N, C-alpha and C. Protein backbone atom coordinates (compact mmCIF):
# COMPACT_ATOMS: atom_id res chain seq x y z
N MET A 1 -2.66 2.86 -28.77
CA MET A 1 -1.57 2.60 -28.19
C MET A 1 -1.77 2.92 -26.48
N ILE A 2 -2.41 3.74 -26.14
CA ILE A 2 -2.73 4.04 -24.92
C ILE A 2 -3.29 3.04 -24.00
N VAL A 3 -4.13 2.13 -24.75
CA VAL A 3 -4.88 1.05 -24.02
C VAL A 3 -3.71 -0.12 -23.81
N ALA A 4 -2.94 -0.29 -24.57
CA ALA A 4 -1.84 -1.45 -24.59
C ALA A 4 -0.82 -0.69 -23.39
N ARG A 5 -0.54 0.31 -23.28
CA ARG A 5 0.39 0.76 -22.26
C ARG A 5 -0.25 0.69 -20.99
N PHE A 6 -1.68 1.09 -20.72
CA PHE A 6 -2.01 1.01 -19.54
C PHE A 6 -2.17 -0.63 -19.11
N ALA A 7 -2.49 -1.55 -20.13
CA ALA A 7 -2.49 -2.89 -19.76
C ALA A 7 -1.22 -3.27 -19.14
N THR A 8 -0.10 -2.86 -19.96
CA THR A 8 1.28 -3.26 -19.49
C THR A 8 1.43 -2.61 -18.28
N VAL A 9 1.07 -1.45 -17.71
CA VAL A 9 1.24 -0.79 -16.60
C VAL A 9 0.41 -1.59 -15.32
N VAL A 10 -0.70 -2.20 -15.51
CA VAL A 10 -1.54 -2.88 -14.58
C VAL A 10 -0.83 -4.16 -14.31
N ILE A 11 -0.42 -4.81 -15.45
CA ILE A 11 -0.02 -6.08 -15.28
C ILE A 11 1.27 -6.23 -14.58
N ILE A 12 2.22 -5.22 -14.97
CA ILE A 12 3.43 -5.37 -14.08
C ILE A 12 3.26 -4.95 -12.77
N ALA A 13 2.47 -3.96 -12.59
CA ALA A 13 2.13 -3.65 -11.07
C ALA A 13 1.59 -4.64 -10.27
N TYR A 14 0.76 -5.26 -10.86
CA TYR A 14 0.11 -6.39 -10.04
C TYR A 14 1.07 -7.45 -9.79
N LEU A 15 1.91 -7.92 -10.80
CA LEU A 15 2.92 -8.93 -10.68
C LEU A 15 4.04 -8.44 -9.63
N LEU A 16 4.45 -7.30 -9.56
CA LEU A 16 5.29 -6.65 -8.79
C LEU A 16 4.74 -6.62 -7.25
N GLY A 17 3.56 -6.37 -7.22
CA GLY A 17 2.87 -6.19 -5.88
C GLY A 17 2.74 -7.81 -5.37
N SER A 18 2.41 -8.64 -6.14
CA SER A 18 2.23 -9.95 -5.90
C SER A 18 3.33 -10.74 -5.21
N ILE A 19 4.57 -10.09 -5.37
CA ILE A 19 5.95 -10.78 -4.87
C ILE A 19 5.69 -10.81 -3.36
N PRO A 20 5.54 -11.88 -2.71
CA PRO A 20 5.31 -12.22 -1.18
C PRO A 20 6.70 -12.16 -0.43
N PHE A 21 7.25 -10.93 -0.28
CA PHE A 21 8.60 -10.90 0.40
C PHE A 21 8.49 -11.53 1.69
N GLY A 22 7.22 -11.29 2.45
CA GLY A 22 7.29 -11.82 3.76
C GLY A 22 7.36 -13.28 3.99
N LEU A 23 6.50 -13.84 2.99
CA LEU A 23 6.61 -15.39 2.90
C LEU A 23 7.90 -15.96 2.44
N ILE A 24 8.44 -15.12 1.49
CA ILE A 24 9.89 -15.74 1.05
C ILE A 24 10.89 -15.58 1.95
N ILE A 25 10.94 -14.68 2.83
CA ILE A 25 11.94 -14.44 3.82
C ILE A 25 11.60 -15.45 4.83
N GLY A 26 10.45 -15.59 5.23
CA GLY A 26 10.23 -16.44 6.29
C GLY A 26 10.61 -17.96 6.08
N LYS A 27 10.49 -18.30 4.70
CA LYS A 27 10.78 -19.61 4.57
C LYS A 27 12.13 -19.89 4.33
N LEU A 28 12.94 -18.79 3.68
CA LEU A 28 14.23 -18.90 3.34
C LEU A 28 15.21 -18.86 4.66
N LYS A 29 14.80 -17.96 5.60
CA LYS A 29 15.54 -17.60 6.99
C LYS A 29 15.12 -18.51 8.14
N LYS A 30 13.86 -18.86 8.16
CA LYS A 30 13.34 -19.68 9.47
C LYS A 30 12.63 -20.78 9.10
N GLY A 31 12.38 -21.14 7.75
CA GLY A 31 11.89 -22.43 7.30
C GLY A 31 10.21 -22.36 8.06
N VAL A 32 9.77 -21.19 7.84
CA VAL A 32 8.29 -21.19 8.12
C VAL A 32 7.45 -20.80 7.15
N ASP A 33 6.22 -21.07 6.97
CA ASP A 33 5.30 -20.30 6.14
C ASP A 33 4.27 -19.53 7.18
N ILE A 34 4.53 -18.24 6.92
CA ILE A 34 3.84 -17.15 7.86
C ILE A 34 2.33 -17.34 7.77
N ARG A 35 1.95 -17.99 6.46
CA ARG A 35 0.44 -17.94 6.35
C ARG A 35 -0.17 -19.01 7.25
N GLU A 36 0.84 -19.64 8.20
CA GLU A 36 0.34 -20.58 9.13
C GLU A 36 0.16 -20.14 10.57
N GLN A 37 1.14 -18.97 10.42
CA GLN A 37 1.54 -18.25 11.78
C GLN A 37 0.62 -17.21 11.98
N GLY A 38 0.37 -16.83 13.43
CA GLY A 38 -0.34 -15.55 13.72
C GLY A 38 -1.55 -15.25 12.85
N SER A 39 -1.67 -13.94 12.31
CA SER A 39 -2.76 -13.59 11.48
C SER A 39 -3.07 -14.37 10.31
N GLY A 40 -1.85 -15.16 9.68
CA GLY A 40 -2.08 -15.86 8.54
C GLY A 40 -1.52 -14.93 7.22
N LYS A 41 -1.30 -13.43 7.50
CA LYS A 41 -1.05 -12.79 6.47
C LYS A 41 0.35 -12.76 6.20
N THR A 42 0.79 -12.36 4.82
CA THR A 42 2.27 -12.46 4.57
C THR A 42 2.88 -11.20 4.82
N GLY A 43 2.38 -10.23 5.34
CA GLY A 43 3.01 -8.75 5.50
C GLY A 43 4.15 -8.65 6.48
N ALA A 44 4.51 -7.63 6.83
CA ALA A 44 5.82 -7.43 7.56
C ALA A 44 5.49 -7.68 9.08
N THR A 45 4.42 -7.25 9.58
CA THR A 45 4.04 -7.31 10.85
C THR A 45 3.97 -8.71 11.31
N ASN A 46 3.20 -9.59 10.62
CA ASN A 46 3.13 -10.94 10.98
C ASN A 46 4.43 -11.92 10.82
N LEU A 47 5.27 -11.41 9.83
CA LEU A 47 6.80 -11.85 9.79
C LEU A 47 7.54 -11.47 11.02
N MET A 48 7.23 -10.38 11.43
CA MET A 48 8.06 -9.75 12.69
C MET A 48 7.66 -10.46 13.71
N ARG A 49 6.52 -11.03 14.06
CA ARG A 49 6.10 -11.78 15.23
C ARG A 49 6.47 -13.21 15.07
N ALA A 50 6.76 -13.68 13.66
CA ALA A 50 6.94 -15.25 13.33
C ALA A 50 8.47 -15.37 13.62
N ALA A 51 9.19 -14.29 12.88
CA ALA A 51 10.61 -14.62 12.74
C ALA A 51 11.57 -13.52 13.23
N GLY A 52 11.16 -12.56 13.74
CA GLY A 52 11.81 -11.48 14.59
C GLY A 52 11.74 -9.96 14.06
N THR A 53 12.00 -9.17 14.57
CA THR A 53 11.89 -7.81 14.08
C THR A 53 12.84 -7.33 12.91
N LYS A 54 14.09 -7.86 12.65
CA LYS A 54 14.96 -7.72 11.63
C LYS A 54 14.30 -8.20 10.35
N LEU A 55 13.80 -9.44 10.40
CA LEU A 55 13.28 -9.90 9.08
C LEU A 55 12.08 -9.48 8.71
N GLY A 56 11.27 -8.96 9.79
CA GLY A 56 10.25 -8.08 9.48
C GLY A 56 10.33 -6.81 9.13
N LEU A 57 11.47 -5.97 9.44
CA LEU A 57 11.54 -4.78 8.65
C LEU A 57 12.09 -4.97 7.45
N LEU A 58 13.07 -5.81 7.15
CA LEU A 58 13.67 -6.21 5.75
C LEU A 58 12.57 -6.35 4.85
N ALA A 59 11.31 -7.32 5.15
CA ALA A 59 10.10 -7.53 4.44
C ALA A 59 9.38 -6.09 4.11
N LEU A 60 9.12 -5.19 5.38
CA LEU A 60 8.70 -4.05 5.07
C LEU A 60 9.28 -3.14 3.98
N VAL A 61 10.67 -3.18 4.23
CA VAL A 61 11.31 -2.19 3.18
C VAL A 61 11.16 -2.54 1.73
N LEU A 62 11.22 -4.17 1.58
CA LEU A 62 11.01 -4.38 0.17
C LEU A 62 9.69 -4.51 -0.28
N ASP A 63 8.48 -4.63 0.64
CA ASP A 63 7.19 -4.50 0.09
C ASP A 63 6.89 -2.91 -0.32
N VAL A 64 7.61 -1.94 0.41
CA VAL A 64 7.41 -0.61 -0.15
C VAL A 64 8.14 -0.41 -1.19
N VAL A 65 9.42 -0.87 -1.54
CA VAL A 65 10.01 -0.56 -2.69
C VAL A 65 9.36 -1.39 -3.93
N LYS A 66 8.71 -2.51 -3.87
CA LYS A 66 8.21 -3.01 -4.87
C LYS A 66 6.95 -2.27 -5.36
N ALA A 67 6.14 -1.61 -4.55
CA ALA A 67 5.00 -0.79 -4.84
C ALA A 67 5.53 0.63 -5.18
N THR A 68 6.66 1.31 -4.67
CA THR A 68 7.22 2.41 -5.31
C THR A 68 7.63 2.41 -6.70
N GLY A 69 8.30 1.01 -6.97
CA GLY A 69 8.89 0.71 -8.24
C GLY A 69 7.83 0.73 -9.13
N ALA A 70 6.70 0.03 -8.98
CA ALA A 70 5.53 -0.20 -9.84
C ALA A 70 4.98 1.00 -10.26
N VAL A 71 4.78 1.96 -9.56
CA VAL A 71 4.31 3.35 -9.86
C VAL A 71 5.30 4.25 -10.53
N MET A 72 6.57 4.19 -10.13
CA MET A 72 7.70 5.01 -11.06
C MET A 72 7.68 4.20 -12.33
N LEU A 73 7.42 3.13 -12.61
CA LEU A 73 7.63 2.45 -13.86
C LEU A 73 6.25 3.02 -14.64
N ALA A 74 5.23 3.11 -13.85
CA ALA A 74 4.16 3.54 -14.74
C ALA A 74 4.10 4.99 -15.29
N ALA A 75 4.92 5.67 -14.50
CA ALA A 75 5.17 7.10 -14.98
C ALA A 75 6.06 7.29 -16.26
N VAL A 76 6.94 6.19 -16.28
CA VAL A 76 7.79 5.96 -17.45
C VAL A 76 7.12 5.44 -18.68
N ILE A 77 6.15 4.51 -18.51
CA ILE A 77 5.56 3.89 -19.61
C ILE A 77 4.48 4.95 -20.02
N VAL A 78 3.71 5.46 -19.22
CA VAL A 78 2.84 6.71 -19.87
C VAL A 78 3.35 7.79 -19.35
N ASP A 79 4.10 8.69 -20.05
CA ASP A 79 4.77 9.78 -19.62
C ASP A 79 3.75 11.03 -19.97
N ARG A 80 4.03 12.29 -19.36
CA ARG A 80 3.36 13.35 -19.61
C ARG A 80 3.17 13.81 -21.01
N GLY A 81 4.03 13.32 -21.93
CA GLY A 81 3.79 13.68 -23.30
C GLY A 81 2.63 13.02 -24.11
N MET A 82 2.07 12.20 -23.34
CA MET A 82 1.02 11.57 -23.85
C MET A 82 -0.26 12.33 -23.70
N GLY A 83 -0.32 13.62 -23.18
CA GLY A 83 -1.38 14.44 -22.95
C GLY A 83 -2.32 14.24 -21.81
N THR A 84 -3.42 14.88 -21.83
CA THR A 84 -4.30 14.88 -20.95
C THR A 84 -5.87 14.30 -21.33
N LEU A 85 -6.77 13.70 -20.29
CA LEU A 85 -8.01 13.29 -20.45
C LEU A 85 -8.92 14.37 -19.81
N THR A 86 -10.16 14.77 -20.19
CA THR A 86 -10.92 15.65 -19.58
C THR A 86 -11.83 14.76 -18.89
N ILE A 87 -12.05 15.03 -17.54
CA ILE A 87 -13.11 14.44 -16.76
C ILE A 87 -13.86 15.36 -15.95
N GLY A 88 -15.04 15.65 -16.33
CA GLY A 88 -16.07 16.31 -15.58
C GLY A 88 -15.43 17.90 -15.82
N GLY A 89 -15.08 18.22 -16.81
CA GLY A 89 -14.71 19.51 -17.29
C GLY A 89 -13.05 19.99 -16.85
N ALA A 90 -12.44 18.79 -16.17
CA ALA A 90 -11.27 19.19 -15.66
C ALA A 90 -10.11 18.17 -16.52
N SER A 91 -9.00 18.64 -16.63
CA SER A 91 -7.96 18.11 -17.50
C SER A 91 -7.02 17.13 -16.43
N VAL A 92 -7.02 15.96 -16.79
CA VAL A 92 -6.27 15.21 -15.89
C VAL A 92 -4.95 14.48 -16.94
N TYR A 93 -3.69 14.54 -16.53
CA TYR A 93 -2.88 13.88 -17.19
C TYR A 93 -2.95 12.44 -17.24
N TRP A 94 -2.68 11.83 -18.47
CA TRP A 94 -2.88 10.16 -18.50
C TRP A 94 -1.88 9.71 -17.61
N GLN A 95 -0.64 10.31 -17.36
CA GLN A 95 0.26 9.84 -16.53
C GLN A 95 -0.15 9.80 -15.15
N HIS A 96 -1.01 10.64 -14.68
CA HIS A 96 -1.50 10.68 -13.15
C HIS A 96 -2.55 9.32 -13.10
N ILE A 97 -3.30 9.17 -14.35
CA ILE A 97 -4.09 8.15 -13.95
C ILE A 97 -3.21 6.57 -14.21
N ALA A 98 -2.36 6.71 -15.03
CA ALA A 98 -1.58 5.46 -14.82
C ALA A 98 -0.89 5.15 -13.51
N GLN A 99 -0.37 6.43 -13.02
CA GLN A 99 0.00 6.09 -11.59
C GLN A 99 -0.80 5.58 -10.65
N VAL A 100 -2.21 5.97 -10.74
CA VAL A 100 -3.21 5.71 -9.76
C VAL A 100 -3.42 4.13 -10.17
N ALA A 101 -3.68 3.73 -11.45
CA ALA A 101 -4.00 2.38 -11.87
C ALA A 101 -2.87 1.55 -11.41
N ALA A 102 -1.56 1.92 -11.57
CA ALA A 102 -0.48 0.95 -11.00
C ALA A 102 -0.56 0.90 -9.52
N GLY A 103 -0.77 2.05 -8.78
CA GLY A 103 -0.77 1.97 -7.38
C GLY A 103 -1.91 0.86 -6.98
N LEU A 104 -3.17 1.11 -7.42
CA LEU A 104 -4.09 0.12 -7.05
C LEU A 104 -3.77 -1.22 -7.53
N ALA A 105 -3.29 -1.45 -8.69
CA ALA A 105 -3.01 -2.95 -8.96
C ALA A 105 -2.03 -3.64 -8.12
N ALA A 106 -0.91 -2.66 -7.56
CA ALA A 106 0.21 -3.06 -6.64
C ALA A 106 -0.29 -3.50 -5.41
N VAL A 107 -1.32 -2.75 -4.81
CA VAL A 107 -1.79 -2.92 -3.52
C VAL A 107 -2.72 -4.09 -3.54
N ILE A 108 -3.51 -4.34 -4.81
CA ILE A 108 -4.17 -5.53 -4.86
C ILE A 108 -3.50 -6.86 -4.94
N GLY A 109 -2.24 -6.75 -5.78
CA GLY A 109 -1.21 -7.73 -5.85
C GLY A 109 -0.70 -8.06 -4.41
N HIS A 110 -0.36 -7.27 -3.65
CA HIS A 110 -0.03 -7.20 -2.22
C HIS A 110 -1.01 -8.24 -1.39
N ASN A 111 -2.34 -7.76 -1.46
CA ASN A 111 -3.22 -8.49 -0.79
C ASN A 111 -3.71 -9.85 -1.33
N TRP A 112 -3.68 -9.86 -2.50
CA TRP A 112 -4.11 -11.27 -3.33
C TRP A 112 -3.15 -11.54 -4.19
N PRO A 113 -2.09 -11.96 -3.99
CA PRO A 113 -0.76 -12.27 -4.67
C PRO A 113 -1.01 -13.71 -5.64
N ILE A 114 -0.92 -13.53 -6.95
CA ILE A 114 -0.97 -14.77 -7.49
C ILE A 114 -0.03 -15.78 -7.32
N PHE A 115 1.32 -15.31 -6.74
CA PHE A 115 2.28 -16.24 -6.37
C PHE A 115 2.22 -16.87 -5.08
N ALA A 116 1.20 -16.49 -4.24
CA ALA A 116 1.08 -17.22 -3.03
C ALA A 116 -0.42 -17.31 -2.79
N ARG A 117 -1.12 -18.05 -3.82
CA ARG A 117 -2.21 -18.78 -3.77
C ARG A 117 -3.30 -17.66 -3.41
N PHE A 118 -2.97 -16.30 -3.87
CA PHE A 118 -3.94 -15.16 -3.37
C PHE A 118 -4.11 -15.00 -1.74
N ARG A 119 -3.32 -15.54 -1.18
CA ARG A 119 -3.29 -15.06 0.24
C ARG A 119 -2.04 -14.21 0.58
N GLY A 120 -2.22 -12.81 0.63
CA GLY A 120 -1.19 -11.97 1.17
C GLY A 120 -1.43 -11.17 2.30
N GLY A 121 -1.18 -9.95 2.29
CA GLY A 121 -1.15 -8.92 3.40
C GLY A 121 -2.28 -8.05 3.53
N ARG A 122 -2.35 -7.01 4.13
CA ARG A 122 -3.38 -6.15 4.42
C ARG A 122 -3.42 -4.86 3.43
N GLY A 123 -2.22 -4.48 2.71
CA GLY A 123 -1.99 -3.57 1.78
C GLY A 123 -1.42 -2.17 2.38
N VAL A 124 -1.19 -2.18 3.66
CA VAL A 124 -0.60 -1.08 4.06
C VAL A 124 0.98 -0.65 3.64
N THR A 125 1.74 -1.46 3.82
CA THR A 125 2.96 -1.27 3.14
C THR A 125 2.95 -0.82 1.65
N ALA A 126 2.12 -1.49 0.99
CA ALA A 126 2.23 -1.23 -0.55
C ALA A 126 1.60 0.14 -0.69
N TYR A 127 0.50 0.23 0.07
CA TYR A 127 -0.13 1.71 0.08
C TYR A 127 0.98 2.88 0.22
N PHE A 128 1.65 2.87 1.28
CA PHE A 128 2.73 3.73 1.59
C PHE A 128 3.79 3.79 0.44
N GLY A 129 4.18 2.66 0.11
CA GLY A 129 5.07 2.63 -1.24
C GLY A 129 4.70 3.25 -2.32
N THR A 130 3.26 3.11 -2.84
CA THR A 130 2.74 3.91 -4.04
C THR A 130 2.89 5.36 -3.71
N LEU A 131 2.45 5.76 -2.52
CA LEU A 131 2.29 7.25 -1.94
C LEU A 131 3.72 7.62 -2.13
N PHE A 132 4.93 7.10 -1.96
CA PHE A 132 6.07 7.59 -1.74
C PHE A 132 6.58 8.00 -3.38
N ALA A 133 5.86 7.30 -4.22
CA ALA A 133 5.99 7.75 -5.63
C ALA A 133 5.23 8.78 -6.00
N ILE A 134 3.90 8.65 -5.75
CA ILE A 134 2.86 9.43 -6.18
C ILE A 134 2.87 10.77 -5.76
N PHE A 135 3.17 10.93 -4.12
CA PHE A 135 3.09 12.29 -3.66
C PHE A 135 3.92 12.04 -2.28
N PRO A 136 5.11 12.04 -2.07
CA PRO A 136 5.92 11.64 -1.03
C PRO A 136 5.72 12.32 0.16
N PRO A 137 5.12 13.56 0.32
CA PRO A 137 4.94 14.11 1.57
C PRO A 137 3.77 13.41 2.49
N ALA A 138 2.65 13.13 1.69
CA ALA A 138 1.73 12.16 2.05
C ALA A 138 2.03 10.92 2.88
N GLY A 139 3.20 10.05 2.01
CA GLY A 139 3.58 8.94 2.43
C GLY A 139 4.52 9.13 3.75
N ILE A 140 5.24 10.12 3.71
CA ILE A 140 6.10 10.32 5.12
C ILE A 140 5.22 10.88 6.25
N PHE A 141 4.28 11.61 6.01
CA PHE A 141 3.49 12.17 6.99
C PHE A 141 2.56 10.94 7.66
N GLY A 142 2.20 10.20 6.71
CA GLY A 142 1.29 9.05 7.12
C GLY A 142 2.02 7.96 7.79
N ALA A 143 3.59 7.89 7.54
CA ALA A 143 4.31 6.73 8.01
C ALA A 143 4.73 7.30 9.36
N GLU A 144 4.89 8.65 9.68
CA GLU A 144 5.00 9.11 11.08
C GLU A 144 4.13 8.75 11.81
N VAL A 145 2.77 9.29 11.44
CA VAL A 145 1.57 8.81 12.12
C VAL A 145 1.50 7.49 12.63
N LEU A 146 1.75 6.57 11.79
CA LEU A 146 1.67 5.13 11.61
C LEU A 146 2.65 4.69 12.81
N ALA A 147 3.89 5.15 12.72
CA ALA A 147 5.09 4.60 13.80
C ALA A 147 4.67 5.43 15.13
N ILE A 148 4.20 6.59 15.41
CA ILE A 148 4.03 6.92 16.65
C ILE A 148 2.77 6.30 17.32
N ALA A 149 1.69 6.10 16.45
CA ALA A 149 0.36 5.50 16.98
C ALA A 149 0.73 4.02 17.42
N ALA A 150 1.36 3.32 16.63
CA ALA A 150 1.69 2.00 16.81
C ALA A 150 2.63 1.63 18.12
N LEU A 151 3.80 2.54 18.13
CA LEU A 151 4.55 2.52 19.42
C LEU A 151 3.91 2.90 20.49
N ARG A 152 3.00 3.85 20.67
CA ARG A 152 2.17 4.37 21.70
C ARG A 152 1.13 3.35 22.11
N SER A 153 0.55 2.88 21.35
CA SER A 153 -0.61 1.87 21.46
C SER A 153 -0.19 0.45 21.53
N ARG A 154 0.91 0.23 21.04
CA ARG A 154 1.37 -1.16 20.84
C ARG A 154 0.59 -2.17 19.82
N HIS A 155 -0.07 -1.58 19.13
CA HIS A 155 -0.95 -2.00 17.97
C HIS A 155 -0.96 -1.61 16.76
N MET A 156 -0.14 -2.29 16.16
CA MET A 156 0.22 -2.10 14.46
C MET A 156 -0.99 -1.71 13.88
N SER A 157 -1.89 -2.58 14.02
CA SER A 157 -3.30 -2.55 13.30
C SER A 157 -3.76 -1.10 13.51
N LEU A 158 -3.88 -0.50 14.53
CA LEU A 158 -4.30 0.68 15.00
C LEU A 158 -3.54 1.78 14.36
N GLY A 159 -2.17 1.94 14.35
CA GLY A 159 -1.26 2.50 13.90
C GLY A 159 -1.31 2.72 12.12
N SER A 160 -1.58 1.63 11.58
CA SER A 160 -1.78 1.40 10.37
C SER A 160 -2.98 2.02 9.82
N LEU A 161 -4.01 1.88 10.44
CA LEU A 161 -5.48 2.64 10.26
C LEU A 161 -5.18 4.18 10.22
N LEU A 162 -4.67 4.66 11.38
CA LEU A 162 -4.51 5.84 11.58
C LEU A 162 -3.54 6.61 10.51
N GLY A 163 -2.32 5.90 10.40
CA GLY A 163 -1.54 6.47 9.31
C GLY A 163 -1.98 6.60 7.89
N ALA A 164 -2.75 5.37 7.66
CA ALA A 164 -3.48 5.54 6.25
C ALA A 164 -4.46 6.65 6.02
N LEU A 165 -5.15 7.01 7.30
CA LEU A 165 -6.05 7.93 7.12
C LEU A 165 -5.45 9.32 7.37
N ALA A 166 -4.26 9.65 8.06
CA ALA A 166 -3.31 10.52 7.98
C ALA A 166 -3.11 11.15 6.59
N THR A 167 -2.77 10.22 5.76
CA THR A 167 -2.49 10.59 4.22
C THR A 167 -3.29 11.10 3.42
N TRP A 168 -4.57 10.78 3.92
CA TRP A 168 -5.90 11.33 3.14
C TRP A 168 -6.36 12.75 3.75
N CYS A 169 -6.19 13.03 4.98
CA CYS A 169 -6.45 14.01 5.72
C CYS A 169 -5.33 15.20 4.93
N LEU A 170 -4.18 14.80 4.68
CA LEU A 170 -3.15 15.86 4.36
C LEU A 170 -3.34 16.23 2.94
N MET A 171 -3.85 15.25 1.93
CA MET A 171 -4.11 15.43 0.63
C MET A 171 -5.40 16.06 0.48
N LEU A 172 -6.32 15.97 1.21
CA LEU A 172 -7.65 16.69 1.13
C LEU A 172 -7.52 18.19 0.95
N PRO A 173 -7.00 18.94 1.72
CA PRO A 173 -6.87 20.41 1.57
C PRO A 173 -5.89 20.83 0.70
N LEU A 174 -4.99 19.92 0.26
CA LEU A 174 -3.88 20.49 -0.70
C LEU A 174 -4.71 20.25 -1.90
N THR A 175 -5.67 19.30 -2.14
CA THR A 175 -6.44 19.01 -3.34
C THR A 175 -7.62 20.33 -3.50
N ILE A 176 -8.62 20.14 -2.56
CA ILE A 176 -9.70 21.09 -2.73
C ILE A 176 -9.69 22.47 -2.46
N ILE A 177 -8.60 22.68 -1.41
CA ILE A 177 -8.35 24.40 -1.10
C ILE A 177 -7.34 24.89 -2.05
N HIS A 178 -6.07 24.16 -1.81
CA HIS A 178 -5.06 24.85 -2.71
C HIS A 178 -4.69 24.43 -4.12
N HIS A 179 -5.68 23.44 -4.52
CA HIS A 179 -5.53 22.80 -5.94
C HIS A 179 -4.00 22.37 -6.31
N LEU A 180 -3.17 21.78 -5.41
CA LEU A 180 -2.00 21.57 -5.79
C LEU A 180 -1.71 20.16 -6.26
N LEU A 181 -3.12 19.28 -6.03
CA LEU A 181 -2.77 17.89 -6.41
C LEU A 181 -3.88 17.68 -7.36
N PRO A 182 -3.72 16.60 -8.33
CA PRO A 182 -4.92 16.35 -9.10
C PRO A 182 -6.07 15.41 -8.27
N PRO A 183 -7.24 15.91 -8.38
CA PRO A 183 -8.40 15.17 -7.47
C PRO A 183 -8.19 13.64 -7.74
N ILE A 184 -7.70 12.99 -8.72
CA ILE A 184 -7.57 11.65 -8.90
C ILE A 184 -6.75 10.91 -7.58
N TYR A 185 -5.70 11.75 -7.33
CA TYR A 185 -4.79 11.21 -6.23
C TYR A 185 -5.91 11.14 -5.02
N LEU A 186 -6.77 12.14 -4.68
CA LEU A 186 -7.57 11.81 -3.59
C LEU A 186 -8.68 10.78 -3.77
N VAL A 187 -8.96 10.55 -4.88
CA VAL A 187 -9.94 9.43 -4.97
C VAL A 187 -9.20 8.23 -4.73
N TYR A 188 -8.09 8.14 -5.44
CA TYR A 188 -7.26 6.73 -5.17
C TYR A 188 -7.07 6.33 -3.75
N GLY A 189 -6.48 7.69 -2.81
CA GLY A 189 -6.39 7.49 -1.47
C GLY A 189 -7.57 6.98 -0.61
N PHE A 190 -8.91 7.58 -1.14
CA PHE A 190 -9.99 7.14 -0.59
C PHE A 190 -10.27 5.56 -0.88
N ILE A 191 -10.12 5.17 -2.15
CA ILE A 191 -10.63 3.74 -2.49
C ILE A 191 -9.52 3.01 -1.67
N VAL A 192 -8.23 3.03 -1.56
CA VAL A 192 -7.35 2.32 -0.97
C VAL A 192 -7.59 2.20 0.53
N ILE A 193 -7.65 3.27 1.18
CA ILE A 193 -7.92 3.24 2.63
C ILE A 193 -9.08 2.56 2.91
N ALA A 194 -10.46 2.76 2.17
CA ALA A 194 -11.47 1.93 2.37
C ALA A 194 -11.09 0.31 2.39
N LEU A 195 -10.10 -0.02 1.30
CA LEU A 195 -9.80 -1.44 1.17
C LEU A 195 -8.79 -1.68 2.37
N ILE A 196 -7.96 -0.77 2.80
CA ILE A 196 -7.19 -1.22 3.95
C ILE A 196 -8.14 -1.40 5.24
N ALA A 197 -8.96 -0.51 5.35
CA ALA A 197 -9.90 -0.72 6.73
C ALA A 197 -10.59 -2.06 6.64
N TYR A 198 -11.19 -2.51 5.22
CA TYR A 198 -11.85 -3.88 5.00
C TYR A 198 -10.83 -4.71 5.39
N GLN A 199 -9.73 -4.79 5.13
CA GLN A 199 -8.58 -5.73 5.36
C GLN A 199 -8.44 -6.09 6.94
N HIS A 200 -8.76 -4.95 7.66
CA HIS A 200 -8.51 -4.85 8.88
C HIS A 200 -9.48 -5.08 9.71
N ARG A 201 -10.65 -5.51 9.12
CA ARG A 201 -12.13 -5.58 9.99
C ARG A 201 -11.98 -6.44 11.01
N ASP A 202 -11.12 -7.57 10.89
CA ASP A 202 -10.93 -8.55 12.34
C ASP A 202 -10.25 -7.67 13.26
N ASN A 203 -9.19 -7.01 12.94
CA ASN A 203 -8.46 -6.25 13.86
C ASN A 203 -9.20 -5.29 14.56
N VAL A 204 -10.04 -4.63 13.67
CA VAL A 204 -11.10 -3.45 14.28
C VAL A 204 -11.98 -4.30 15.39
N LYS A 205 -12.53 -5.47 15.28
CA LYS A 205 -13.29 -6.14 16.07
C LYS A 205 -12.49 -6.35 17.41
N ARG A 206 -11.16 -6.95 17.29
CA ARG A 206 -10.28 -7.21 18.25
C ARG A 206 -10.00 -6.05 19.21
N LEU A 207 -9.78 -4.95 18.53
CA LEU A 207 -9.75 -3.68 19.31
C LEU A 207 -10.67 -3.23 20.10
N ARG A 208 -11.94 -3.30 19.64
CA ARG A 208 -13.04 -2.98 20.43
C ARG A 208 -13.29 -3.94 21.56
N GLN A 209 -12.80 -5.13 21.26
CA GLN A 209 -13.08 -6.11 22.41
C GLN A 209 -11.79 -5.86 23.47
N GLY A 210 -10.85 -5.61 23.16
CA GLY A 210 -9.74 -5.41 23.86
C GLY A 210 -8.80 -6.56 23.88
N THR A 211 -8.96 -7.40 22.69
CA THR A 211 -8.16 -8.62 22.47
C THR A 211 -7.22 -8.65 21.47
N GLU A 212 -6.83 -7.41 20.83
CA GLU A 212 -5.95 -7.45 19.59
C GLU A 212 -4.63 -7.59 20.04
N ARG A 213 -3.89 -8.32 19.20
CA ARG A 213 -2.47 -8.68 19.39
C ARG A 213 -1.57 -7.57 19.32
N GLN A 214 -0.59 -7.53 20.45
CA GLN A 214 0.23 -6.40 20.68
C GLN A 214 1.51 -6.60 19.80
N LEU A 215 2.17 -5.41 19.66
CA LEU A 215 3.61 -5.45 19.08
C LEU A 215 4.63 -6.09 20.25
N TRP A 216 5.54 -7.21 19.72
CA TRP A 216 6.48 -7.76 20.50
C TRP A 216 5.80 -8.37 21.78
């Protein structure tokens, strides 16, 4: 039963993550395929540049909602009543593992969506969406860092990287020192942040060269 539930969680989360709201909105509202514009990504930032700030923000909200929904649904499908799993002498709720599995599947779906020929975004909005369901304070703190860094530097890529890293910096002491969070959340954050950094490798190169695209 647990295997079937986890398979359901991963499949649903991936399919939800695969909904390319940036691509859909761009085609419906402006008649453009944002995969052929700017960075070629389907995320909110590229839509913002190609179709305007309002549509970009709409895509951002929807991308966050789909990822949040994926993790919340996972917590319903695999509830705490299903017990725990012992890993390295520590007990971890199956529900926490399901949340992490759903979060990772949603981010992968966002980056490589089956509905858009596996050409998606960079995973930032999806990651924050999962955090709003897994541990909201980290998501809120990271979003604040992202916004401040992006607005001050005018580089969304820099803000995204710093914001994502900030979430892990908050979870680290809460997990290791205060034992308020299950360690699996910290592992999840590390994996996804590494994935986000990989997806931003071209941006990092341009940032170092001083040629990175600016907001607005």
